[in-house]
Amino acid sequence: MATLAQMTIESMRSSDWPAVAQIYTEGIATGNATFEVEAPTWTEWDAGHLHNGRIVARSPGRIDGWAALSPVSDRCAYGGVAEVSVYVAVGAQSRGLGRALLERLITESERAGIWMLQAGIFPENRASLALHQSCGFRVVGTRERLGQINGRWRDVTLLERRSNIVGV
């Protein structure tokens, strides 16, 4: 497995989708990453995400993680608000890659004029909660019994990060 120093963070290409979908599937399998039960098709995923802020962590011969922004609403008042997704391959976790992806995503979001980022994270996903908080996100609250996955109600902790340079 490559070290963080051997990785580059680059824009995601449609040809990256098989590797991105595999990492997404690994996250789904944990039961603590998303309400999704299977990875969408590229067409579905592409339609649901902003074109700015789609990145991958590339090491020699593979993709070890990805991050992306999705709109929270199609109303123009929310044009500067986006939701973040960050996924790291199981074999690449606990090496600082999630932080590198999230920090780059924050930078790209600000370049795109986004003033507020939000994340919805299952409370059991302590590593993701800690990562987001260490990158300037604050806990807004917990949405109790927001949805079901595999017949089980799940809470979701809502976090947000306000830009210090966009929309001030």
C-alpha atoms as a PDB file:
ATOM      1  CA  MET A   1       0.000   0.000   0.000  1.00  0.00           C
ATOM      2  CA  ALA A   2       1.294   3.424  -0.941  1.00  0.00           C
ATOM      3  CA  THR A   3       2.196   6.010   1.647  1.00  0.00           C
ATOM      4  CA  LEU A   4       0.483   9.387   1.751  1.00  0.00           C
ATOM      5  CA  ALA A   5       3.622  10.930   0.236  1.00  0.00           C
ATOM      6  CA  GLN A   6       3.260   8.639  -2.819  1.00  0.00           C
ATOM      7  CA  MET A   7      -0.346   9.719  -3.462  1.00  0.00           C
ATOM      8  CA  THR A   8      -1.672  12.599  -5.487  1.00  0.00           C
ATOM      9  CA  ILE A   9      -5.080  14.154  -5.119  1.00  0.00           C
ATOM     10  CA  GLU A  10      -6.566  14.821  -8.524  1.00  0.00           C
ATOM     11  CA  SER A  11      -9.876  15.560 -10.184  1.00  0.00           C
ATOM     12  CA  MET A  12     -12.076  12.503 -10.583  1.00  0.00           C
ATOM     13  CA  ARG A  13     -12.585  11.227 -14.115  1.00  0.00           C
ATOM     14  CA  SER A  14     -15.494   9.104 -15.295  1.00  0.00           C
ATOM     15  CA  SER A  15     -12.968   6.333 -15.977  1.00  0.00           C
ATOM     16  CA  ASP A  16     -12.226   6.293 -12.228  1.00  0.00           C
ATOM     17  CA  TRP A  17     -15.773   5.166 -11.470  1.00  0.00           C
ATOM     18  CA  PRO A  18     -15.110   1.401 -11.102  1.00  0.00           C
ATOM     19  CA  ALA A  19     -12.493   2.044  -8.389  1.00  0.00           C
ATOM     20  CA  VAL A  20     -14.602   4.776  -6.760  1.00  0.00           C
ATOM     21  CA  ALA A  21     -17.643   2.492  -6.742  1.00  0.00           C
ATOM     22  CA  GLN A  22     -15.575  -0.296  -5.141  1.00  0.00           C
ATOM     23  CA  ILE A  23     -14.478   2.021  -2.323  1.00  0.00           C
ATOM     24  CA  TYR A  24     -18.086   3.176  -1.937  1.00  0.00           C
ATOM     25  CA  THR A  25     -19.173  -0.472  -1.727  1.00  0.00           C
ATOM     26  CA  GLU A  26     -16.606  -1.058   1.035  1.00  0.00           C
ATOM     27  CA  GLY A  27     -18.129   1.864   2.947  1.00  0.00           C
ATOM     28  CA  ILE A  28     -21.635   0.490   2.439  1.00  0.00           C
ATOM     29  CA  ALA A  29     -20.500  -2.880   3.814  1.00  0.00           C
ATOM     30  CA  THR A  30     -19.496  -1.275   7.131  1.00  0.00           C
ATOM     31  CA  GLY A  31     -23.114  -0.322   7.795  1.00  0.00           C
ATOM     32  CA  ASN A  32     -21.938   3.035   9.174  1.00  0.00           C
ATOM     33  CA  ALA A  33     -21.184   5.092   6.079  1.00  0.00           C
ATOM     34  CA  THR A  34     -24.456   5.645   4.224  1.00  0.00           C
ATOM     35  CA  PHE A  35     -28.116   4.708   3.941  1.00  0.00           C
ATOM     36  CA  GLU A  36     -27.377   3.313   0.474  1.00  0.00           C
ATOM     37  CA  VAL A  37     -27.357  -0.462   0.151  1.00  0.00           C
ATOM     38  CA  GLU A  38     -25.474  -0.586  -3.152  1.00  0.00           C
ATOM     39  CA  ALA A  39     -23.353   1.769  -5.172  1.00  0.00           C
ATOM     40  CA  PRO A  40     -25.253   3.649  -7.876  1.00  0.00           C
ATOM     41  CA  THR A  41     -24.333   3.598 -11.543  1.00  0.00           C
ATOM     42  CA  TRP A  42     -21.945   6.244 -12.815  1.00  0.00           C
ATOM     43  CA  THR A  43     -24.852   8.029 -14.510  1.00  0.00           C
ATOM     44  CA  GLU A  44     -26.858   8.172 -11.266  1.00  0.00           C
ATOM     45  CA  TRP A  45     -23.866   9.276  -9.193  1.00  0.00           C
ATOM     46  CA  ASP A  46     -22.798  11.863 -11.766  1.00  0.00           C
ATOM     47  CA  ALA A  47     -26.286  13.403 -11.838  1.00  0.00           C
ATOM     48  CA  GLY A  48     -26.362  13.757  -8.041  1.00  0.00           C
ATOM     49  CA  HIS A  49     -23.013  15.488  -7.524  1.00  0.00           C
ATOM     50  CA  LEU A  50     -21.591  18.896  -8.336  1.00  0.00           C
ATOM     51  CA  HIS A  51     -19.042  18.982 -11.124  1.00  0.00           C
ATOM     52  CA  ASN A  52     -16.701  21.055  -8.954  1.00  0.00           C
ATOM     53  CA  GLY A  53     -15.229  19.167  -6.046  1.00  0.00           C
ATOM     54  CA  ARG A  54     -14.904  15.577  -7.271  1.00  0.00           C
ATOM     55  CA  ILE A  55     -11.511  14.269  -6.293  1.00  0.00           C
ATOM     56  CA  VAL A  56      -9.629  11.012  -5.916  1.00  0.00           C
ATOM     57  CA  ALA A  57      -6.474  10.023  -4.077  1.00  0.00           C
ATOM     58  CA  ARG A  58      -4.333   8.250  -6.625  1.00  0.00           C
ATOM     59  CA  SER A  59      -1.307   6.141  -5.794  1.00  0.00           C
ATOM     60  CA  PRO A  60       0.718   4.141  -8.298  1.00  0.00           C
ATOM     61  CA  GLY A  61      -1.728   1.806 -10.003  1.00  0.00           C
ATOM     62  CA  ARG A  62      -4.777   2.448  -7.849  1.00  0.00           C
ATOM     63  CA  ILE A  63      -7.254   4.821  -6.261  1.00  0.00           C
ATOM     64  CA  ASP A  64      -7.216   4.792  -2.448  1.00  0.00           C
ATOM     65  CA  GLY A  65     -10.011   7.257  -1.673  1.00  0.00           C
ATOM     66  CA  TRP A  66     -12.404   9.814  -3.027  1.00  0.00           C
ATOM     67  CA  ALA A  67     -14.401  12.840  -1.951  1.00  0.00           C
ATOM     68  CA  ALA A  68     -17.177  14.793  -3.609  1.00  0.00           C
ATOM     69  CA  LEU A  69     -19.746  17.541  -3.158  1.00  0.00           C
ATOM     70  CA  SER A  70     -23.464  17.242  -3.747  1.00  0.00           C
ATOM     71  CA  PRO A  71     -26.058  20.019  -3.725  1.00  0.00           C
ATOM     72  CA  VAL A  72     -28.375  20.243  -0.721  1.00  0.00           C
ATOM     73  CA  SER A  73     -31.145  21.907  -2.731  1.00  0.00           C
ATOM     74  CA  ASP A  74     -31.867  23.136  -6.229  1.00  0.00           C
ATOM     75  CA  ARG A  75     -33.204  26.454  -4.853  1.00  0.00           C
ATOM     76  CA  CYS A  76     -30.872  29.307  -5.762  1.00  0.00           C
ATOM     77  CA  ALA A  77     -30.673  30.529  -2.135  1.00  0.00           C
ATOM     78  CA  TYR A  78     -28.770  27.323  -1.328  1.00  0.00           C
ATOM     79  CA  GLY A  79     -26.369  27.589  -4.252  1.00  0.00           C
ATOM     80  CA  GLY A  80     -23.447  28.105  -1.884  1.00  0.00           C
ATOM     81  CA  VAL A  81     -24.258  25.120   0.312  1.00  0.00           C
ATOM     82  CA  ALA A  82     -23.044  21.599  -0.414  1.00  0.00           C
ATOM     83  CA  GLU A  83     -22.873  18.238   1.297  1.00  0.00           C
ATOM     84  CA  VAL A  84     -19.545  16.429   1.532  1.00  0.00           C
ATOM     85  CA  SER A  85     -18.792  12.749   1.052  1.00  0.00           C
ATOM     86  CA  VAL A  86     -15.388  11.284   1.915  1.00  0.00           C
ATOM     87  CA  TYR A  87     -14.537   7.602   1.462  1.00  0.00           C
ATOM     88  CA  VAL A  88     -11.194   5.866   1.988  1.00  0.00           C
ATOM     89  CA  ALA A  89     -10.418   2.301   0.893  1.00  0.00           C
ATOM     90  CA  VAL A  90     -10.247  -0.141   3.786  1.00  0.00           C
ATOM     91  CA  GLY A  91      -6.554  -0.837   3.179  1.00  0.00           C
ATOM     92  CA  ALA A  92      -5.680   2.881   3.134  1.00  0.00           C
ATOM     93  CA  GLN A  93      -7.430   4.006   6.325  1.00  0.00           C
ATOM     94  CA  SER A  94      -5.725   5.544   9.375  1.00  0.00           C
ATOM     95  CA  ARG A  95      -2.937   7.126   7.323  1.00  0.00           C
ATOM     96  CA  GLY A  96      -4.186  10.710   7.016  1.00  0.00           C
ATOM     97  CA  LEU A  97      -5.776  10.233   3.607  1.00  0.00           C
ATOM     98  CA  GLY A  98      -9.269  11.212   4.766  1.00  0.00           C
ATOM     99  CA  ARG A  99      -7.877  14.483   6.126  1.00  0.00           C
ATOM    100  CA  ALA A 100      -5.964  15.179   2.912  1.00  0.00           C
ATOM    101  CA  LEU A 101      -9.110  14.577   0.848  1.00  0.00           C
ATOM    102  CA  LEU A 102     -11.359  16.667   3.092  1.00  0.00           C
ATOM    103  CA  GLU A 103      -8.896  19.571   3.255  1.00  0.00           C
ATOM    104  CA  ARG A 104      -8.592  19.579  -0.542  1.00  0.00           C
ATOM    105  CA  LEU A 105     -12.386  19.371  -0.893  1.00  0.00           C
ATOM    106  CA  ILE A 106     -12.761  22.400   1.401  1.00  0.00           C
ATOM    107  CA  THR A 107     -10.292  24.348  -0.745  1.00  0.00           C
ATOM    108  CA  GLU A 108     -12.060  23.380  -3.959  1.00  0.00           C
ATOM    109  CA  SER A 109     -15.457  24.231  -2.494  1.00  0.00           C
ATOM    110  CA  GLU A 110     -14.281  27.736  -1.624  1.00  0.00           C
ATOM    111  CA  ARG A 111     -12.843  28.213  -5.123  1.00  0.00           C
ATOM    112  CA  ALA A 112     -16.307  27.314  -6.430  1.00  0.00           C
ATOM    113  CA  GLY A 113     -17.980  29.947  -4.218  1.00  0.00           C
ATOM    114  CA  ILE A 114     -19.442  27.551  -1.662  1.00  0.00           C
ATOM    115  CA  TRP A 115     -19.810  29.176   1.750  1.00  0.00           C
ATOM    116  CA  MET A 116     -21.262  26.302   3.775  1.00  0.00           C
ATOM    117  CA  LEU A 117     -20.440  22.614   3.816  1.00  0.00           C
ATOM    118  CA  GLN A 118     -22.507  20.075   5.667  1.00  0.00           C
ATOM    119  CA  ALA A 119     -22.092  16.415   6.481  1.00  0.00           C
ATOM    120  CA  GLY A 120     -24.514  13.841   7.817  1.00  0.00           C
ATOM    121  CA  ILE A 121     -22.694  11.099   9.706  1.00  0.00           C
ATOM    122  CA  PHE A 122     -23.945   8.124  11.685  1.00  0.00           C
ATOM    123  CA  PRO A 123     -22.983   8.682  15.353  1.00  0.00           C
ATOM    124  CA  GLU A 124     -21.287   5.266  15.395  1.00  0.00           C
ATOM    125  CA  ASN A 125     -18.800   6.464  12.770  1.00  0.00           C
ATOM    126  CA  ARG A 126     -16.558   8.127  15.329  1.00  0.00           C
ATOM    127  CA  ALA A 127     -13.554   8.342  13.016  1.00  0.00           C
ATOM    128  CA  SER A 128     -15.517  10.359  10.450  1.00  0.00           C
ATOM    129  CA  LEU A 129     -16.983  12.620  13.124  1.00  0.00           C
ATOM    130  CA  ALA A 130     -13.501  13.294  14.517  1.00  0.00           C
ATOM    131  CA  LEU A 131     -12.088  13.927  11.037  1.00  0.00           C
ATOM    132  CA  HIS A 132     -14.748  16.481  10.160  1.00  0.00           C
ATOM    133  CA  GLN A 133     -14.452  18.264  13.497  1.00  0.00           C
ATOM    134  CA  SER A 134     -10.672  18.451  13.136  1.00  0.00           C
ATOM    135  CA  CYS A 135     -11.221  20.184   9.776  1.00  0.00           C
ATOM    136  CA  GLY A 136     -13.432  22.916  11.217  1.00  0.00           C
ATOM    137  CA  PHE A 137     -16.880  21.326  11.129  1.00  0.00           C
ATOM    138  CA  ARG A 138     -19.119  21.787  14.149  1.00  0.00           C
ATOM    139  CA  VAL A 139     -21.885  19.512  15.339  1.00  0.00           C
ATOM    140  CA  VAL A 140     -25.274  21.130  14.753  1.00  0.00           C
ATOM    141  CA  GLY A 141     -27.263  18.310  16.295  1.00  0.00           C
ATOM    142  CA  THR A 142     -28.492  14.784  15.883  1.00  0.00           C
ATOM    143  CA  ARG A 143     -31.457  13.920  13.732  1.00  0.00           C
ATOM    144  CA  GLU A 144     -33.011  11.002  15.568  1.00  0.00           C
ATOM    145  CA  ARG A 145     -34.422   8.048  13.676  1.00  0.00           C
ATOM    146  CA  LEU A 146     -33.861   9.857  10.384  1.00  0.00           C
ATOM    147  CA  GLY A 147     -34.103   6.748   8.242  1.00  0.00           C
ATOM    148  CA  GLN A 148     -33.930   2.992   8.189  1.00  0.00           C
ATOM    149  CA  ILE A 149     -31.270   0.699   6.863  1.00  0.00           C
ATOM    150  CA  ASN A 150     -31.822  -3.039   6.923  1.00  0.00           C
ATOM    151  CA  GLY A 151     -34.940  -2.523   9.024  1.00  0.00           C
ATOM    152  CA  ARG A 152     -33.112  -0.547  11.724  1.00  0.00           C
ATOM    153  CA  TRP A 153     -33.735   3.119  12.491  1.00  0.00           C
ATOM    154  CA  ARG A 154     -30.567   5.216  12.384  1.00  0.00           C
ATOM    155  CA  ASP A 155     -29.713   8.592  13.845  1.00  0.00           C
ATOM    156  CA  VAL A 156     -27.591  11.025  11.827  1.00  0.00           C
ATOM    157  CA  THR A 157     -25.342  13.688  13.322  1.00  0.00           C
ATOM    158  CA  LEU A 158     -25.425  16.871  11.263  1.00  0.00           C
ATOM    159  CA  LEU A 159     -22.221  18.887  11.016  1.00  0.00           C
ATOM    160  CA  GLU A 160     -21.486  22.113   9.193  1.00  0.00           C
ATOM    161  CA  ARG A 161     -18.489  24.224   8.283  1.00  0.00           C
ATOM    162  CA  ARG A 162     -18.803  27.877   7.362  1.00  0.00           C
ATOM    163  CA  SER A 163     -16.109  29.276   5.080  1.00  0.00           C
ATOM    164  CA  ASN A 164     -13.937  32.045   6.487  1.00  0.00           C
ATOM    165  CA  ILE A 165     -13.351  33.488   3.019  1.00  0.00           C
ATOM    166  CA  VAL A 166     -16.549  32.922   0.975  1.00  0.00           C
ATOM    167  CA  GLY A 167     -19.812  34.580   1.917  1.00  0.00           C
ATOM    168  CA  VAL A 168     -18.367  36.560   4.831  1.00  0.00           C
END
